[in-house]
Amino acid sequence: MIDLSIIIVSWNVKEKLSDNLRALFSSQYASFEVWVIDNNSSDGTVRMIKKEFPQVKLIANQENLGFARANNQAIKQAGGRYILLLNPDMRVFDDTLSNVISWMNCHEQAAVAGCKLVDENGAIIKQVRRFPGILDQLAIILKLPHLFPKILNKYLRNDFDYSKSNRVDTIRGGFFMIRREAVEKIGLLDERYFLWFEEVDYCRRVKLAGSEVWYANAAECIDLVGQSFKQLDLVVKQRYFRDSMLKYFKKWHSPLEYWILRLAWPAGLLIAWLGERIRVKSRTKT
């Protein structure tokens, strides 16, 4: 059995994916396979992979199946002791894979782990979150952080020390390492989520099963953050986010909390639409 199966779900980010794959295959680490699941990209991604990276195990979907369902296509076939869900806009360093595997080997209590994420200038990208609650998600829906910047400090774990490895509630899905035993025990990603909340849901299931989620400071990776998402209109992104949030709360929270959020979302979408209109007019004038 190989050590690591790396699974990348891609949608219209050919150049970023190419950089990602080039970095992976230049890595010091050798015992891994790479799966790319392309969600019906229109930018020549499939053609690029076949030509430049024939060693990649490619699944070319004829429609956009979303994040969870596409990842599950490869998880079912992956052969590694560990499975790494990696966004296409990530870029590993030479020692990222070796460091994270070494850390996982020494921390058997970690069913899921993420590493230190940095931007292209080396600044830390804050990724650790508490499990979503009714108050923080309501604040997000109604865009209250724009008026009260500290309102989400507790949810966003602004006090978290990224210089130390620690057990956490959730880590970012862009670099999401899962132990094979966890997959066998907990199962696949919940395919009810098309985009967003898949990793939060999985971390919740890990905790419910008595296992642990960790932030591991031992490894580092560049995260270009949401290159696929940037292609979507703001209101479309908000609708994807709304649908996943409501599915999460329907699954894990009381009917009352679910309905409070559901009733708040029309106002949230209106605020998002108005904000986008104001930004467009502002750009037009300048």
Protein backbone atom coordinates (compact mmCIF):
# COMPACT_ATOMS: atom_id res chain seq x y z
CA MET A 1 0.00 0.00 0.00
CA ILE A 2 1.29 3.47 -0.87
CA ASP A 3 1.46 6.13 1.83
CA LEU A 4 -0.68 8.86 0.36
CA SER A 5 -3.53 9.40 -2.09
CA ILE A 6 -3.89 13.06 -3.10
CA ILE A 7 -7.32 13.99 -4.45
CA ILE A 8 -7.91 17.27 -6.29
CA VAL A 9 -11.32 18.45 -7.49
CA SER A 10 -10.92 21.01 -10.26
CA TRP A 11 -13.23 23.41 -12.08
CA ASN A 12 -11.86 25.91 -14.64
CA VAL A 13 -8.52 26.62 -12.93
CA LYS A 14 -6.19 25.02 -15.46
CA GLU A 15 -3.13 27.18 -14.79
CA LYS A 16 -3.38 26.97 -11.00
CA LEU A 17 -3.90 23.22 -11.21
CA SER A 18 -0.86 22.87 -13.47
CA ASP A 19 1.27 24.74 -10.91
CA ASN A 20 -0.15 22.55 -8.16
CA LEU A 21 0.67 19.30 -9.97
CA ARG A 22 4.13 20.49 -10.95
CA ALA A 23 4.92 21.23 -7.30
CA LEU A 24 3.56 17.85 -6.17
CA PHE A 25 5.64 15.87 -8.65
CA SER A 26 8.74 17.90 -7.75
CA SER A 27 8.29 17.04 -4.07
CA GLN A 28 10.90 15.19 -2.02
CA TYR A 29 8.25 12.64 -1.15
CA ALA A 30 7.70 9.74 -3.54
CA SER A 31 5.11 7.33 -2.11
CA PHE A 32 1.92 8.94 -3.37
CA GLU A 33 -0.66 8.86 -6.14
CA VAL A 34 -2.59 11.82 -7.51
CA TRP A 35 -6.24 11.80 -8.52
CA VAL A 36 -7.80 14.74 -10.35
CA ILE A 37 -11.56 14.89 -10.66
CA ASP A 38 -12.50 17.51 -13.21
CA ASN A 39 -16.03 18.86 -12.82
CA ASN A 40 -16.69 19.56 -16.51
CA SER A 41 -14.22 22.43 -16.94
CA SER A 42 -14.42 24.42 -20.18
CA ASP A 43 -10.83 25.74 -20.10
CA GLY A 44 -8.96 22.73 -21.46
CA THR A 45 -8.08 21.26 -18.06
CA VAL A 46 -8.62 17.63 -19.11
CA ARG A 47 -6.54 18.06 -22.25
CA MET A 48 -3.73 19.70 -20.22
CA ILE A 49 -3.60 16.84 -17.70
CA LYS A 50 -3.53 14.14 -20.36
CA LYS A 51 -0.71 15.92 -22.20
CA GLU A 52 1.47 17.18 -19.32
CA PHE A 53 0.71 14.83 -16.42
CA PRO A 54 -0.05 11.35 -17.77
CA GLN A 55 0.77 9.84 -14.35
CA VAL A 56 -2.34 11.48 -12.87
CA LYS A 57 -5.39 9.26 -12.34
CA LEU A 58 -8.02 11.37 -14.10
CA ILE A 59 -11.79 11.32 -13.72
CA ALA A 60 -13.44 13.68 -16.21
CA ASN A 61 -17.05 14.34 -15.22
CA GLN A 62 -19.58 15.45 -17.80
CA GLU A 63 -21.24 17.77 -15.29
CA ASN A 64 -20.27 19.69 -12.18
CA LEU A 65 -20.95 17.23 -9.35
CA GLY A 66 -19.83 19.55 -6.57
CA PHE A 67 -17.04 19.09 -4.04
CA ALA A 68 -18.24 16.21 -1.87
CA ARG A 69 -19.55 13.92 -4.61
CA ALA A 70 -16.48 14.44 -6.80
CA ASN A 71 -14.06 13.74 -3.94
CA ASN A 72 -15.97 10.59 -3.06
CA GLN A 73 -15.48 9.27 -6.61
CA ALA A 74 -11.75 9.08 -5.95
CA ILE A 75 -11.85 8.22 -2.24
CA LYS A 76 -13.64 4.99 -3.16
CA GLN A 77 -10.72 3.99 -5.40
CA ALA A 78 -7.77 5.53 -3.55
CA GLY A 79 -5.08 3.18 -2.30
CA GLY A 80 -3.15 5.29 0.22
CA ARG A 81 -2.81 4.86 3.98
CA TYR A 82 -3.70 8.54 4.13
CA ILE A 83 -6.02 10.54 1.88
CA LEU A 84 -5.32 14.23 1.25
CA LEU A 85 -8.11 16.37 -0.16
CA LEU A 86 -6.19 19.21 -1.80
CA ASN A 87 -7.66 22.26 -3.54
CA PRO A 88 -6.32 22.95 -7.05
CA ASP A 89 -5.09 26.42 -6.01
CA MET A 90 -2.70 25.01 -3.37
CA ARG A 91 1.05 24.71 -3.84
CA VAL A 92 3.11 22.38 -1.68
CA PHE A 93 6.73 23.01 -0.70
CA ASP A 94 9.41 20.37 -1.23
CA ASP A 95 8.97 19.03 2.28
CA THR A 96 5.21 19.52 2.81
CA LEU A 97 4.18 15.93 2.11
CA SER A 98 7.05 14.30 3.99
CA ASN A 99 6.47 16.54 7.01
CA VAL A 100 2.73 15.96 7.22
CA ILE A 101 3.10 12.19 6.80
CA SER A 102 5.75 12.08 9.52
CA TRP A 103 3.47 14.09 11.80
CA MET A 104 0.50 11.80 11.13
CA ASN A 105 2.62 8.73 11.80
CA CYS A 106 3.49 10.12 15.25
CA HIS A 107 -0.04 11.26 16.16
CA GLU A 108 -2.35 8.30 15.80
CA GLN A 109 -5.13 10.12 17.69
CA ALA A 110 -5.56 12.47 14.71
CA ALA A 111 -8.23 11.12 12.34
CA VAL A 112 -8.14 14.36 10.33
CA ALA A 113 -5.44 17.02 10.16
CA GLY A 114 -4.64 20.24 8.35
CA CYS A 115 -1.30 22.00 8.05
CA LYS A 116 -0.13 25.62 8.28
CA LEU A 117 -1.51 27.55 5.30
CA VAL A 118 0.25 30.68 4.06
CA ASP A 119 -0.26 33.12 1.21
CA GLU A 120 2.33 33.84 -1.46
CA ASN A 121 4.05 36.33 0.85
CA GLY A 122 4.32 33.83 3.70
CA ALA A 123 1.57 35.36 5.86
CA ILE A 124 -0.51 32.85 7.82
CA ILE A 125 -4.02 32.21 6.55
CA LYS A 126 -6.27 31.74 9.56
CA GLN A 127 -8.30 28.59 9.05
CA VAL A 128 -9.24 27.14 12.44
CA ARG A 129 -12.92 27.54 13.33
CA ARG A 130 -15.27 26.47 16.06
CA PHE A 131 -18.30 24.45 15.03
CA PRO A 132 -20.96 26.81 13.63
CA GLY A 133 -23.59 28.10 16.04
CA ILE A 134 -26.85 29.92 15.54
CA LEU A 135 -25.55 33.35 16.62
CA ASP A 136 -22.37 33.44 14.55
CA GLN A 137 -24.10 32.12 11.42
CA LEU A 138 -26.93 34.62 11.84
CA ALA A 139 -24.33 37.38 12.06
CA ILE A 140 -22.73 36.12 8.84
CA ILE A 141 -26.07 35.98 7.01
CA LEU A 142 -26.94 39.56 7.97
CA LYS A 143 -23.37 40.83 7.26
CA LEU A 144 -23.04 42.16 10.83
CA PRO A 145 -19.21 41.82 10.88
CA HIS A 146 -19.11 44.82 8.51
CA LEU A 147 -20.60 46.89 11.34
CA PHE A 148 -19.14 45.00 14.32
CA PRO A 149 -15.74 43.60 13.27
CA LYS A 150 -15.18 41.65 16.51
CA ILE A 151 -18.52 39.87 16.55
CA LEU A 152 -17.05 36.66 15.08
CA ASN A 153 -13.82 36.58 17.11
CA LYS A 154 -14.88 33.53 19.15
CA TYR A 155 -16.16 31.58 16.13
CA LEU A 156 -13.08 32.42 14.05
CA ARG A 157 -10.73 31.50 16.90
CA ASN A 158 -8.81 34.78 16.57
CA ASP A 159 -6.88 33.81 19.70
CA PHE A 160 -5.56 30.58 18.14
CA ASP A 161 -1.76 30.11 18.19
CA TYR A 162 -0.73 28.91 14.72
CA SER A 163 2.83 28.30 15.88
CA LYS A 164 1.73 25.19 17.80
CA SER A 165 -0.06 22.00 16.80
CA ASN A 166 -3.33 21.56 18.63
CA ARG A 167 -6.65 19.73 18.63
CA VAL A 168 -9.42 21.81 17.03
CA ASP A 169 -13.07 21.64 15.98
CA THR A 170 -12.56 22.18 12.25
CA ILE A 171 -9.81 22.91 9.72
CA ARG A 172 -10.00 24.24 6.18
CA GLY A 173 -10.99 21.78 3.47
CA GLY A 174 -8.30 23.02 1.08
CA PHE A 175 -5.69 20.80 2.77
CA PHE A 176 -7.65 18.05 4.51
CA MET A 177 -5.72 14.93 5.51
CA ILE A 178 -7.80 11.89 6.47
CA ARG A 179 -6.48 8.67 7.97
CA ARG A 180 -7.74 5.62 6.04
CA GLU A 181 -9.03 4.05 9.24
CA ALA A 182 -11.18 7.15 9.72
CA VAL A 183 -12.74 6.72 6.27
CA GLU A 184 -13.47 3.08 7.08
CA LYS A 185 -15.01 4.07 10.42
CA ILE A 186 -16.77 7.35 9.56
CA GLY A 187 -17.46 6.98 5.85
CA LEU A 188 -17.35 9.29 2.85
CA LEU A 189 -18.17 12.99 2.59
CA ASP A 190 -21.86 13.80 2.83
CA GLU A 191 -22.99 14.35 -0.76
CA ARG A 192 -25.96 16.48 0.26
CA TYR A 193 -23.51 19.42 0.28
CA PHE A 194 -22.66 20.74 -3.18
CA LEU A 195 -20.21 23.39 -1.99
CA TRP A 196 -19.18 24.52 1.52
CA PHE A 197 -19.74 22.85 4.92
CA GLU A 198 -18.58 19.41 3.71
CA GLU A 199 -15.42 19.53 5.79
CA VAL A 200 -17.23 21.02 8.79
CA ASP A 201 -19.75 18.20 8.64
CA TYR A 202 -16.96 15.61 8.40
CA CYS A 203 -15.11 17.09 11.37
CA ARG A 204 -18.37 16.92 13.34
CA ARG A 205 -18.73 13.25 12.45
CA VAL A 206 -15.12 12.60 13.48
CA LYS A 207 -15.76 14.11 16.88
CA LEU A 208 -19.05 12.22 17.26
CA ALA A 209 -17.14 8.99 16.58
CA GLY A 210 -14.75 9.77 19.45
CA SER A 211 -11.81 10.70 17.20
CA GLU A 212 -9.89 13.97 16.87
CA VAL A 213 -9.24 16.77 14.34
CA TRP A 214 -5.87 18.53 14.54
CA TYR A 215 -4.09 21.58 13.19
CA ALA A 216 -0.49 20.44 12.54
CA ASN A 217 2.18 23.13 12.55
CA ALA A 218 4.78 20.63 11.27
CA ALA A 219 3.97 21.17 7.59
CA GLU A 220 3.32 24.24 5.46
CA CYS A 221 1.53 24.87 2.15
CA ILE A 222 0.73 27.90 -0.01
CA ASP A 223 -2.99 28.58 -0.37
CA LEU A 224 -4.18 30.94 -3.12
CA VAL A 225 -7.70 30.80 -1.63
CA GLY A 226 -10.81 30.22 -3.69
CA GLN A 227 -9.69 30.65 -7.30
CA SER A 228 -12.66 28.62 -8.59
CA PHE A 229 -15.08 30.54 -6.36
CA LYS A 230 -13.89 33.88 -7.75
CA GLN A 231 -15.44 32.97 -11.09
CA LEU A 232 -18.92 32.92 -9.54
CA ASP A 233 -21.21 35.89 -9.10
CA LEU A 234 -21.46 37.01 -5.46
CA VAL A 235 -25.18 36.23 -5.21
CA VAL A 236 -24.62 32.76 -6.71
CA LYS A 237 -21.91 32.09 -4.11
CA GLN A 238 -24.26 33.28 -1.39
CA ARG A 239 -26.94 30.85 -2.58
CA TYR A 240 -24.52 27.92 -2.52
CA PHE A 241 -23.44 28.99 0.95
CA ARG A 242 -27.06 29.36 2.10
CA ASP A 243 -28.06 25.91 0.85
CA SER A 244 -25.14 24.21 2.57
CA MET A 245 -25.57 26.13 5.82
CA LEU A 246 -29.24 25.18 6.01
CA LYS A 247 -28.48 21.52 5.28
CA TYR A 248 -25.86 21.54 8.02
CA PHE A 249 -28.23 23.05 10.58
CA LYS A 250 -31.08 20.75 9.57
CA LYS A 251 -28.76 17.80 10.17
CA TRP A 252 -27.03 18.89 13.39
CA HIS A 253 -29.20 21.50 15.12
CA SER A 254 -32.72 21.95 16.40
CA PRO A 255 -35.66 22.70 14.06
CA LEU A 256 -35.99 26.12 15.73
CA GLU A 257 -32.42 27.14 14.87
CA TYR A 258 -32.82 25.82 11.33
CA TRP A 259 -35.96 27.88 10.77
CA ILE A 260 -34.46 31.04 12.28
CA LEU A 261 -31.63 30.85 9.74
CA ARG A 262 -33.93 29.91 6.88
CA LEU A 263 -36.17 32.90 7.57
CA ALA A 264 -33.14 35.22 7.86
CA TRP A 265 -31.67 34.26 4.49
CA PRO A 266 -33.96 36.31 2.20
CA ALA A 267 -32.74 39.42 4.01
CA GLY A 268 -29.16 38.15 3.76
CA LEU A 269 -29.40 37.63 0.00
CA LEU A 270 -30.95 41.08 -0.44
CA ILE A 271 -28.09 42.66 1.54
CA ALA A 272 -25.54 40.75 -0.59
CA TRP A 273 -27.25 41.88 -3.82
CA LEU A 274 -27.38 45.52 -2.69
CA GLY A 275 -23.75 45.40 -1.64
CA GLU A 276 -22.73 44.04 -5.03
CA ARG A 277 -24.74 46.74 -6.84
CA ILE A 278 -23.06 49.47 -4.80
CA ARG A 279 -19.60 48.01 -5.55
CA VAL A 280 -20.35 47.81 -9.28
CA LYS A 281 -21.53 51.44 -9.37
CA SER A 282 -18.49 52.52 -7.40
CA ARG A 283 -16.13 50.76 -9.86
CA THR A 284 -17.99 52.31 -12.80
CA LYS A 285 -17.50 55.84 -11.46
CA THR A 286 -13.73 55.42 -10.86
